[in-house]
Amino acid sequence: MLIFKNAVLKPVMEELQEKGGNLLFVKDTGIYLMAEKGAYRDGRKVNIAYAEDFDPRLPENEDWYENAGLEVGYDDFGESFGQDCWGTFIRQVIDLGYDVFIEVTENKIRAGYIKP
């Protein structure tokens, strides 16, 4: 199960609330969530919410690639979640400080929130 901590996810959710669009669930260099219409700086997204233990920029996550393969498979992907999905998390993440989990199986992707 992937955990997205509130501290990194809240700015992404605020962008979604402000600009709309889709929430993108991505596995390439790390596993992360980002706003489709999010801001860029120097050609890179400003707000990216890496799943806990899957941020390749952190030295303690040096095994992120192998762990990502075990968690979601080795192929890179991008899934688009519309407002019908992420809209249910706005209040919990922005106002109540909840974390979000995503669980990936062979047949489905399931998401929910975790009370602090």
C-alpha atoms as a PDB file:
ATOM      1  CA  MET A   1       0.000   0.000   0.000  1.00  0.00           C
ATOM      2  CA  LEU A   2       1.267   3.453  -0.924  1.00  0.00           C
ATOM      3  CA  ILE A   3       0.954   6.263   1.617  1.00  0.00           C
ATOM      4  CA  PHE A   4       0.879   9.922   0.610  1.00  0.00           C
ATOM      5  CA  LYS A   5       1.533  12.064   3.663  1.00  0.00           C
ATOM      6  CA  ASN A   6      -0.548  15.183   4.133  1.00  0.00           C
ATOM      7  CA  ALA A   7       2.473  17.504   4.232  1.00  0.00           C
ATOM      8  CA  VAL A   8       3.413  16.666   0.630  1.00  0.00           C
ATOM      9  CA  LEU A   9      -0.087  16.013  -0.703  1.00  0.00           C
ATOM     10  CA  LYS A  10      -1.827  19.144   0.558  1.00  0.00           C
ATOM     11  CA  PRO A  11      -0.138  21.548  -1.940  1.00  0.00           C
ATOM     12  CA  VAL A  12      -1.132  19.230  -4.815  1.00  0.00           C
ATOM     13  CA  MET A  13      -4.738  19.105  -3.610  1.00  0.00           C
ATOM     14  CA  GLU A  14      -4.793  22.900  -3.233  1.00  0.00           C
ATOM     15  CA  GLU A  15      -3.673  23.206  -6.871  1.00  0.00           C
ATOM     16  CA  LEU A  16      -6.424  20.835  -7.921  1.00  0.00           C
ATOM     17  CA  GLN A  17      -8.991  22.809  -5.951  1.00  0.00           C
ATOM     18  CA  GLU A  18      -7.799  26.070  -7.516  1.00  0.00           C
ATOM     19  CA  LYS A  19      -7.179  25.004 -11.122  1.00  0.00           C
ATOM     20  CA  GLY A  20      -9.281  21.873 -11.628  1.00  0.00           C
ATOM     21  CA  GLY A  21      -8.176  19.159 -14.003  1.00  0.00           C
ATOM     22  CA  ASN A  22      -7.121  15.640 -13.182  1.00  0.00           C
ATOM     23  CA  LEU A  23      -4.994  14.151 -10.444  1.00  0.00           C
ATOM     24  CA  LEU A  24      -2.207  12.152 -12.061  1.00  0.00           C
ATOM     25  CA  PHE A  25      -0.925   8.978 -10.401  1.00  0.00           C
ATOM     26  CA  VAL A  26       2.501   8.280 -11.891  1.00  0.00           C
ATOM     27  CA  LYS A  27       5.237   5.694 -11.653  1.00  0.00           C
ATOM     28  CA  ASP A  28       8.429   6.586 -13.489  1.00  0.00           C
ATOM     29  CA  THR A  29      11.246   8.110 -11.462  1.00  0.00           C
ATOM     30  CA  GLY A  30       9.492   7.412  -8.172  1.00  0.00           C
ATOM     31  CA  ILE A  31       5.804   7.001  -7.434  1.00  0.00           C
ATOM     32  CA  TYR A  32       3.875  10.218  -7.038  1.00  0.00           C
ATOM     33  CA  LEU A  33       0.708  12.265  -7.417  1.00  0.00           C
ATOM     34  CA  MET A  34       0.556  15.628  -9.171  1.00  0.00           C
ATOM     35  CA  ALA A  35      -2.016  18.060 -10.497  1.00  0.00           C
ATOM     36  CA  GLU A  36      -2.454  17.908 -14.251  1.00  0.00           C
ATOM     37  CA  LYS A  37      -2.726  21.704 -14.392  1.00  0.00           C
ATOM     38  CA  GLY A  38      -0.110  22.349 -11.724  1.00  0.00           C
ATOM     39  CA  ALA A  39       2.475  25.110 -11.841  1.00  0.00           C
ATOM     40  CA  TYR A  40       5.887  24.659 -13.473  1.00  0.00           C
ATOM     41  CA  ARG A  41       9.242  26.171 -12.579  1.00  0.00           C
ATOM     42  CA  ASP A  42      12.305  25.609 -14.767  1.00  0.00           C
ATOM     43  CA  GLY A  43      10.395  23.017 -16.793  1.00  0.00           C
ATOM     44  CA  ARG A  44       9.436  20.928 -13.740  1.00  0.00           C
ATOM     45  CA  LYS A  45       6.237  20.600 -11.744  1.00  0.00           C
ATOM     46  CA  VAL A  46       6.398  22.654  -8.561  1.00  0.00           C
ATOM     47  CA  ASN A  47       4.200  20.392  -6.444  1.00  0.00           C
ATOM     48  CA  ILE A  48       4.721  16.650  -6.581  1.00  0.00           C
ATOM     49  CA  ALA A  49       3.568  14.377  -3.768  1.00  0.00           C
ATOM     50  CA  TYR A  50       5.815  11.331  -3.634  1.00  0.00           C
ATOM     51  CA  ALA A  51       4.524   8.215  -1.919  1.00  0.00           C
ATOM     52  CA  GLU A  52       6.273   7.537   1.352  1.00  0.00           C
ATOM     53  CA  ASP A  53       9.542   5.635   0.667  1.00  0.00           C
ATOM     54  CA  PHE A  54       9.332   6.214  -3.114  1.00  0.00           C
ATOM     55  CA  ASP A  55      10.995   9.614  -3.501  1.00  0.00           C
ATOM     56  CA  PRO A  56      14.224   8.821  -5.376  1.00  0.00           C
ATOM     57  CA  ARG A  57      15.779  12.155  -4.369  1.00  0.00           C
ATOM     58  CA  LEU A  58      16.158  10.956  -0.775  1.00  0.00           C
ATOM     59  CA  PRO A  59      19.195   8.815   0.051  1.00  0.00           C
ATOM     60  CA  GLU A  60      17.200   6.609   2.416  1.00  0.00           C
ATOM     61  CA  ASN A  61      15.059   5.524  -0.557  1.00  0.00           C
ATOM     62  CA  GLU A  62      17.928   4.070  -2.597  1.00  0.00           C
ATOM     63  CA  ASP A  63      15.910   0.847  -3.115  1.00  0.00           C
ATOM     64  CA  TRP A  64      12.872   2.720  -4.428  1.00  0.00           C
ATOM     65  CA  TYR A  65      13.035   1.123  -7.905  1.00  0.00           C
ATOM     66  CA  GLU A  66      13.006  -2.471  -6.688  1.00  0.00           C
ATOM     67  CA  ASN A  67      10.347  -1.659  -4.079  1.00  0.00           C
ATOM     68  CA  ALA A  68       8.218   0.134  -6.696  1.00  0.00           C
ATOM     69  CA  GLY A  69       8.390  -2.910  -8.933  1.00  0.00           C
ATOM     70  CA  LEU A  70       7.119  -5.074  -6.115  1.00  0.00           C
ATOM     71  CA  GLU A  71       4.398  -2.567  -5.209  1.00  0.00           C
ATOM     72  CA  VAL A  72       3.003  -1.565  -8.626  1.00  0.00           C
ATOM     73  CA  GLY A  73       5.057  -3.392 -11.272  1.00  0.00           C
ATOM     74  CA  TYR A  74       8.185  -2.382 -13.157  1.00  0.00           C
ATOM     75  CA  ASP A  75       6.538  -0.652 -16.110  1.00  0.00           C
ATOM     76  CA  ASP A  76       6.181   3.127 -16.023  1.00  0.00           C
ATOM     77  CA  PHE A  77       2.609   4.397 -16.103  1.00  0.00           C
ATOM     78  CA  GLY A  78       0.372   7.381 -15.601  1.00  0.00           C
ATOM     79  CA  GLU A  79      -3.234   7.095 -14.466  1.00  0.00           C
ATOM     80  CA  SER A  80      -5.618  10.016 -14.546  1.00  0.00           C
ATOM     81  CA  PHE A  81      -8.139  10.462 -11.727  1.00  0.00           C
ATOM     82  CA  GLY A  82     -10.932  12.933 -12.381  1.00  0.00           C
ATOM     83  CA  GLN A  83     -12.677  15.131  -9.846  1.00  0.00           C
ATOM     84  CA  ASP A  84     -15.148  12.345  -9.089  1.00  0.00           C
ATOM     85  CA  CYS A  85     -12.185  10.582  -7.445  1.00  0.00           C
ATOM     86  CA  TRP A  86      -9.970  13.311  -6.001  1.00  0.00           C
ATOM     87  CA  GLY A  87     -12.887  15.575  -5.092  1.00  0.00           C
ATOM     88  CA  THR A  88     -13.753  13.222  -2.270  1.00  0.00           C
ATOM     89  CA  PHE A  89     -10.345  13.896  -0.677  1.00  0.00           C
ATOM     90  CA  ILE A  90     -10.256  17.704  -0.788  1.00  0.00           C
ATOM     91  CA  ARG A  91     -11.840  18.322   2.615  1.00  0.00           C
ATOM     92  CA  GLN A  92     -10.050  15.430   4.312  1.00  0.00           C
ATOM     93  CA  VAL A  93      -6.611  16.457   3.037  1.00  0.00           C
ATOM     94  CA  ILE A  94      -6.818  20.255   3.050  1.00  0.00           C
ATOM     95  CA  ASP A  95      -9.084  20.895   6.031  1.00  0.00           C
ATOM     96  CA  LEU A  96      -8.626  17.846   8.262  1.00  0.00           C
ATOM     97  CA  GLY A  97      -4.987  16.877   7.641  1.00  0.00           C
ATOM     98  CA  TYR A  98      -5.618  13.299   6.502  1.00  0.00           C
ATOM     99  CA  ASP A  99      -3.089  11.197   4.611  1.00  0.00           C
ATOM    100  CA  VAL A 100      -4.172   9.266   1.502  1.00  0.00           C
ATOM    101  CA  PHE A 101      -3.446   5.661   0.568  1.00  0.00           C
ATOM    102  CA  ILE A 102      -3.479   4.015  -2.828  1.00  0.00           C
ATOM    103  CA  GLU A 103      -3.496   0.268  -3.188  1.00  0.00           C
ATOM    104  CA  VAL A 104      -2.719  -1.244  -6.580  1.00  0.00           C
ATOM    105  CA  THR A 105      -3.646  -4.805  -7.510  1.00  0.00           C
ATOM    106  CA  GLU A 106      -3.605  -6.603 -10.815  1.00  0.00           C
ATOM    107  CA  ASN A 107      -7.259  -5.722 -11.401  1.00  0.00           C
ATOM    108  CA  LYS A 108      -7.873  -2.382  -9.706  1.00  0.00           C
ATOM    109  CA  ILE A 109      -6.626   0.738  -7.997  1.00  0.00           C
ATOM    110  CA  ARG A 110      -8.231   1.563  -4.659  1.00  0.00           C
ATOM    111  CA  ALA A 111      -7.779   4.829  -2.771  1.00  0.00           C
ATOM    112  CA  GLY A 112      -8.838   6.098   0.616  1.00  0.00           C
ATOM    113  CA  TYR A 113      -7.789   8.385   3.406  1.00  0.00           C
ATOM    114  CA  ILE A 114      -6.207   7.820   6.786  1.00  0.00           C
ATOM    115  CA  LYS A 115      -7.260   9.817   9.808  1.00  0.00           C
ATOM    116  CA  PRO A 116      -4.335  11.514  11.571  1.00  0.00           C
END
